[in-house]
């Protein structure tokens, strides 16, 4: 879903929810978008430390950040097949982070 600029809340109030299930691997995590941006864009790090070794490990996280910065919200990506489920959802945090 696209949110027009005049209706968007602050980027600092967004969280990324990722759920990956492939075979016996089942990973779920939430990351504040500002943290993801700091790690990947500002810090030049990768998300290898999350231990995602399946297809989701090839996701272009910088592109996800750009989509959100330009108004993408809600379920950005879903892949489902026989042995795989990958979901990427962006949510607004009411009240922001403290």
N, C-alpha and C. Protein backbone atom coordinates (compact mmCIF):
# COMPACT_ATOMS: atom_id res chain seq x y z
N UNK A 1 0.86 -1.17 0.00
CA UNK A 1 0.00 0.00 0.00
C UNK A 1 0.90 1.23 0.00
N UNK A 2 0.51 2.24 -0.80
CA UNK A 2 1.26 3.49 -0.88
C UNK A 2 0.57 4.54 -0.02
N UNK A 3 1.35 5.23 0.80
CA UNK A 3 0.85 6.32 1.64
C UNK A 3 1.35 7.64 1.05
N UNK A 4 0.46 8.55 0.65
CA UNK A 4 0.90 9.84 0.13
C UNK A 4 1.73 10.60 1.17
N UNK A 5 2.66 11.40 0.68
CA UNK A 5 3.60 12.08 1.57
C UNK A 5 2.92 12.91 2.65
N UNK A 6 1.82 13.57 2.30
CA UNK A 6 1.14 14.41 3.29
C UNK A 6 0.47 13.61 4.40
N UNK A 7 0.29 12.29 4.19
CA UNK A 7 -0.36 11.44 5.20
C UNK A 7 0.63 10.53 5.93
N UNK A 8 1.89 10.56 5.56
CA UNK A 8 2.89 9.68 6.18
C UNK A 8 3.27 10.18 7.56
N UNK A 9 3.56 9.21 8.42
CA UNK A 9 4.17 9.52 9.70
C UNK A 9 5.68 9.47 9.53
N UNK A 10 6.39 9.78 10.55
CA UNK A 10 7.84 9.82 10.52
C UNK A 10 8.42 8.43 10.25
N UNK A 11 9.49 8.40 9.47
CA UNK A 11 10.24 7.17 9.21
C UNK A 11 10.69 6.54 10.52
N UNK A 12 10.98 7.38 11.51
CA UNK A 12 11.45 6.91 12.81
C UNK A 12 10.40 6.12 13.57
N UNK A 13 9.17 6.15 13.10
CA UNK A 13 8.09 5.44 13.77
C UNK A 13 7.67 4.18 13.03
N UNK A 14 8.57 3.61 12.24
CA UNK A 14 8.24 2.41 11.48
C UNK A 14 9.05 1.22 11.97
N UNK A 15 8.45 0.06 11.85
CA UNK A 15 9.12 -1.18 12.22
C UNK A 15 8.95 -2.18 11.09
N UNK A 16 9.96 -2.96 10.86
CA UNK A 16 9.95 -3.99 9.83
C UNK A 16 9.74 -5.34 10.51
N UNK A 17 8.71 -6.05 10.07
CA UNK A 17 8.44 -7.39 10.57
C UNK A 17 8.78 -8.36 9.43
N UNK A 18 9.63 -9.33 9.73
CA UNK A 18 10.02 -10.33 8.73
C UNK A 18 9.77 -11.71 9.30
N UNK A 19 9.12 -12.54 8.49
CA UNK A 19 8.88 -13.93 8.87
C UNK A 19 9.38 -14.80 7.71
N UNK A 20 10.29 -15.70 8.02
CA UNK A 20 10.86 -16.61 7.02
C UNK A 20 10.70 -18.03 7.53
N UNK A 21 10.08 -18.85 6.73
CA UNK A 21 9.99 -20.27 7.05
C UNK A 21 10.36 -21.03 5.78
N UNK A 22 11.44 -21.79 5.88
CA UNK A 22 11.88 -22.59 4.74
C UNK A 22 12.39 -23.91 5.28
N UNK A 23 11.70 -24.98 4.95
CA UNK A 23 12.06 -26.28 5.49
C UNK A 23 11.92 -26.26 7.00
N UNK A 24 12.99 -26.58 7.72
CA UNK A 24 12.95 -26.57 9.19
C UNK A 24 13.34 -25.22 9.76
N UNK A 25 13.79 -24.30 8.92
CA UNK A 25 14.21 -22.97 9.38
C UNK A 25 12.97 -22.08 9.55
N UNK A 26 12.85 -21.47 10.72
CA UNK A 26 11.72 -20.58 11.00
C UNK A 26 12.26 -19.37 11.76
N UNK A 27 12.30 -18.23 11.09
CA UNK A 27 12.87 -17.02 11.68
C UNK A 27 11.82 -15.92 11.63
N UNK A 28 11.65 -15.23 12.76
CA UNK A 28 10.77 -14.07 12.83
C UNK A 28 11.53 -12.99 13.57
N UNK A 29 11.49 -11.78 13.03
CA UNK A 29 12.12 -10.68 13.76
C UNK A 29 11.44 -9.37 13.41
N UNK A 30 11.56 -8.44 14.34
CA UNK A 30 11.10 -7.06 14.17
C UNK A 30 12.32 -6.16 14.31
N UNK A 31 12.46 -5.23 13.38
CA UNK A 31 13.56 -4.27 13.46
C UNK A 31 13.00 -2.88 13.20
N UNK A 32 13.32 -1.93 14.07
CA UNK A 32 12.94 -0.55 13.77
C UNK A 32 13.65 -0.12 12.48
N UNK A 33 12.92 0.52 11.58
CA UNK A 33 13.51 0.94 10.31
C UNK A 33 14.70 1.88 10.49
N UNK A 34 14.68 2.80 11.46
CA UNK A 34 15.87 3.63 11.64
C UNK A 34 17.12 2.80 11.98
N UNK A 35 16.96 1.73 12.75
CA UNK A 35 18.09 0.86 13.08
C UNK A 35 18.57 0.13 11.83
N UNK A 36 17.64 -0.40 11.06
CA UNK A 36 18.00 -1.08 9.82
C UNK A 36 18.75 -0.13 8.89
N UNK A 37 18.26 1.09 8.78
CA UNK A 37 18.91 2.09 7.94
C UNK A 37 20.33 2.38 8.44
N UNK A 38 20.49 2.53 9.74
CA UNK A 38 21.80 2.81 10.32
C UNK A 38 22.77 1.66 10.06
N UNK A 39 22.31 0.44 10.24
CA UNK A 39 23.17 -0.73 10.04
C UNK A 39 23.58 -0.89 8.59
N UNK A 40 22.61 -0.79 7.68
CA UNK A 40 22.86 -1.12 6.28
C UNK A 40 23.37 0.05 5.46
N UNK A 41 22.72 1.17 5.58
CA UNK A 41 23.06 2.30 4.72
C UNK A 41 24.21 3.12 5.31
N UNK A 42 24.05 3.53 6.56
CA UNK A 42 25.07 4.37 7.19
C UNK A 42 26.30 3.56 7.60
N UNK A 43 26.07 2.36 8.13
CA UNK A 43 27.17 1.57 8.66
C UNK A 43 27.78 0.57 7.70
N UNK A 44 27.14 0.34 6.55
CA UNK A 44 27.68 -0.58 5.58
C UNK A 44 27.69 -2.03 6.03
N UNK A 45 26.87 -2.37 7.01
CA UNK A 45 26.82 -3.75 7.51
C UNK A 45 25.83 -4.57 6.70
N UNK A 46 25.80 -5.85 6.96
CA UNK A 46 24.80 -6.74 6.36
C UNK A 46 23.97 -7.33 7.49
N UNK A 47 22.97 -8.09 7.11
CA UNK A 47 22.14 -8.76 8.11
C UNK A 47 22.52 -10.23 8.26
N UNK A 48 23.76 -10.57 7.91
CA UNK A 48 24.21 -11.96 8.03
C UNK A 48 24.12 -12.46 9.45
N UNK A 49 24.25 -11.58 10.43
CA UNK A 49 24.21 -11.98 11.84
C UNK A 49 22.84 -12.53 12.24
N UNK A 50 21.81 -12.30 11.40
CA UNK A 50 20.49 -12.87 11.71
C UNK A 50 20.43 -14.35 11.41
N UNK A 51 21.40 -14.86 10.66
CA UNK A 51 21.45 -16.28 10.38
C UNK A 51 20.49 -16.73 9.30
N UNK A 52 20.04 -15.82 8.45
CA UNK A 52 19.13 -16.20 7.37
C UNK A 52 19.97 -16.76 6.23
N UNK A 53 19.86 -18.06 6.00
CA UNK A 53 20.66 -18.71 4.97
C UNK A 53 19.83 -19.14 3.78
N UNK A 54 18.52 -18.96 3.86
CA UNK A 54 17.65 -19.40 2.78
C UNK A 54 17.48 -18.27 1.76
N UNK A 55 16.48 -18.38 0.92
CA UNK A 55 16.23 -17.40 -0.14
C UNK A 55 16.06 -15.99 0.39
N UNK A 56 15.53 -15.82 1.59
CA UNK A 56 15.32 -14.48 2.16
C UNK A 56 16.63 -13.77 2.42
N UNK A 57 17.72 -14.52 2.52
CA UNK A 57 19.02 -13.91 2.72
C UNK A 57 19.47 -13.07 1.53
N UNK A 58 18.79 -13.22 0.41
CA UNK A 58 19.14 -12.48 -0.80
C UNK A 58 18.28 -11.24 -1.00
N UNK A 59 17.47 -10.90 -0.03
CA UNK A 59 16.60 -9.72 -0.14
C UNK A 59 17.46 -8.46 -0.13
N UNK A 60 17.10 -7.52 -0.98
CA UNK A 60 17.81 -6.24 -1.05
C UNK A 60 17.19 -5.32 0.02
N UNK A 61 17.77 -5.30 1.20
CA UNK A 61 17.22 -4.55 2.32
C UNK A 61 17.27 -3.05 2.08
N UNK A 62 18.30 -2.57 1.38
CA UNK A 62 18.38 -1.14 1.07
C UNK A 62 17.20 -0.72 0.20
N UNK A 63 16.78 -1.61 -0.71
CA UNK A 63 15.62 -1.30 -1.55
C UNK A 63 14.34 -1.27 -0.71
N UNK A 64 14.22 -2.15 0.27
CA UNK A 64 13.07 -2.13 1.17
C UNK A 64 13.02 -0.78 1.89
N UNK A 65 14.16 -0.32 2.39
CA UNK A 65 14.22 0.97 3.07
C UNK A 65 13.76 2.08 2.13
N UNK A 66 14.24 2.08 0.88
CA UNK A 66 13.84 3.11 -0.08
C UNK A 66 12.34 3.07 -0.35
N UNK A 67 11.77 1.88 -0.45
CA UNK A 67 10.33 1.76 -0.66
C UNK A 67 9.55 2.43 0.48
N UNK A 68 9.99 2.17 1.71
CA UNK A 68 9.31 2.75 2.87
C UNK A 68 9.50 4.27 2.90
N UNK A 69 10.70 4.72 2.60
CA UNK A 69 10.95 6.16 2.57
C UNK A 69 10.06 6.87 1.55
N UNK A 70 9.64 6.13 0.53
CA UNK A 70 8.79 6.71 -0.52
C UNK A 70 7.32 6.36 -0.35
N UNK A 71 6.94 5.86 0.82
CA UNK A 71 5.53 5.71 1.13
C UNK A 71 4.96 4.31 1.15
N UNK A 72 5.77 3.28 0.92
CA UNK A 72 5.25 1.91 0.97
C UNK A 72 4.96 1.53 2.42
N UNK A 73 3.85 0.86 2.64
CA UNK A 73 3.42 0.49 3.99
C UNK A 73 2.63 -0.82 3.89
N UNK A 74 2.60 -1.56 4.98
CA UNK A 74 1.85 -2.81 4.99
C UNK A 74 2.70 -3.97 4.49
N UNK A 75 2.05 -4.96 3.87
CA UNK A 75 2.77 -6.14 3.38
C UNK A 75 3.46 -5.77 2.07
N UNK A 76 4.79 -5.73 2.11
CA UNK A 76 5.56 -5.37 0.93
C UNK A 76 5.89 -6.57 0.07
N UNK A 77 6.00 -7.73 0.72
CA UNK A 77 6.43 -8.91 -0.02
C UNK A 77 5.88 -10.15 0.65
N UNK A 78 5.42 -11.08 -0.17
CA UNK A 78 5.00 -12.39 0.33
C UNK A 78 5.32 -13.42 -0.72
N UNK A 79 6.00 -14.46 -0.31
CA UNK A 79 6.30 -15.59 -1.17
C UNK A 79 5.86 -16.84 -0.43
N UNK A 80 5.02 -17.60 -1.07
CA UNK A 80 4.55 -18.84 -0.47
C UNK A 80 4.62 -19.94 -1.52
N UNK A 81 5.24 -21.03 -1.17
CA UNK A 81 5.17 -22.22 -2.00
C UNK A 81 5.19 -23.43 -1.08
N UNK A 82 5.43 -24.59 -1.62
CA UNK A 82 5.33 -25.84 -0.85
C UNK A 82 6.12 -25.82 0.46
N UNK A 83 7.37 -25.36 0.41
CA UNK A 83 8.24 -25.43 1.58
C UNK A 83 8.69 -24.07 2.10
N UNK A 84 8.20 -22.99 1.50
CA UNK A 84 8.75 -21.68 1.82
C UNK A 84 7.65 -20.66 2.08
N UNK A 85 7.87 -19.84 3.10
CA UNK A 85 7.03 -18.67 3.36
C UNK A 85 7.96 -17.54 3.72
N UNK A 86 7.85 -16.43 2.99
CA UNK A 86 8.62 -15.23 3.31
C UNK A 86 7.64 -14.07 3.29
N UNK A 87 7.58 -13.34 4.40
CA UNK A 87 6.73 -12.15 4.50
C UNK A 87 7.57 -10.99 4.98
N UNK A 88 7.35 -9.83 4.38
CA UNK A 88 7.97 -8.59 4.84
C UNK A 88 6.85 -7.58 4.99
N UNK A 89 6.66 -7.11 6.21
CA UNK A 89 5.57 -6.19 6.52
C UNK A 89 6.16 -4.97 7.23
N UNK A 90 5.70 -3.79 6.82
CA UNK A 90 6.13 -2.55 7.47
C UNK A 90 4.93 -1.98 8.21
N UNK A 91 5.15 -1.67 9.50
CA UNK A 91 4.09 -1.14 10.34
C UNK A 91 4.54 0.15 10.99
N UNK A 92 3.57 0.98 11.29
CA UNK A 92 3.84 2.19 12.08
C UNK A 92 3.70 1.84 13.55
N UNK A 93 4.56 2.40 14.37
CA UNK A 93 4.50 2.22 15.81
C UNK A 93 3.78 3.43 16.39
N UNK A 94 2.70 3.17 17.05
CA UNK A 94 1.94 4.26 17.67
C UNK A 94 2.76 4.84 18.82
N UNK A 95 3.00 6.13 18.77
CA UNK A 95 3.79 6.77 19.81
C UNK A 95 5.28 6.75 19.59
N UNK A 96 5.75 6.02 18.57
CA UNK A 96 7.18 5.98 18.25
C UNK A 96 7.94 5.13 19.25
N UNK A 97 9.27 5.16 19.14
CA UNK A 97 10.15 4.41 20.03
C UNK A 97 10.61 5.30 21.17
N UNK A 98 10.76 4.71 22.33
CA UNK A 98 11.21 5.48 23.50
C UNK A 98 12.49 4.90 24.02
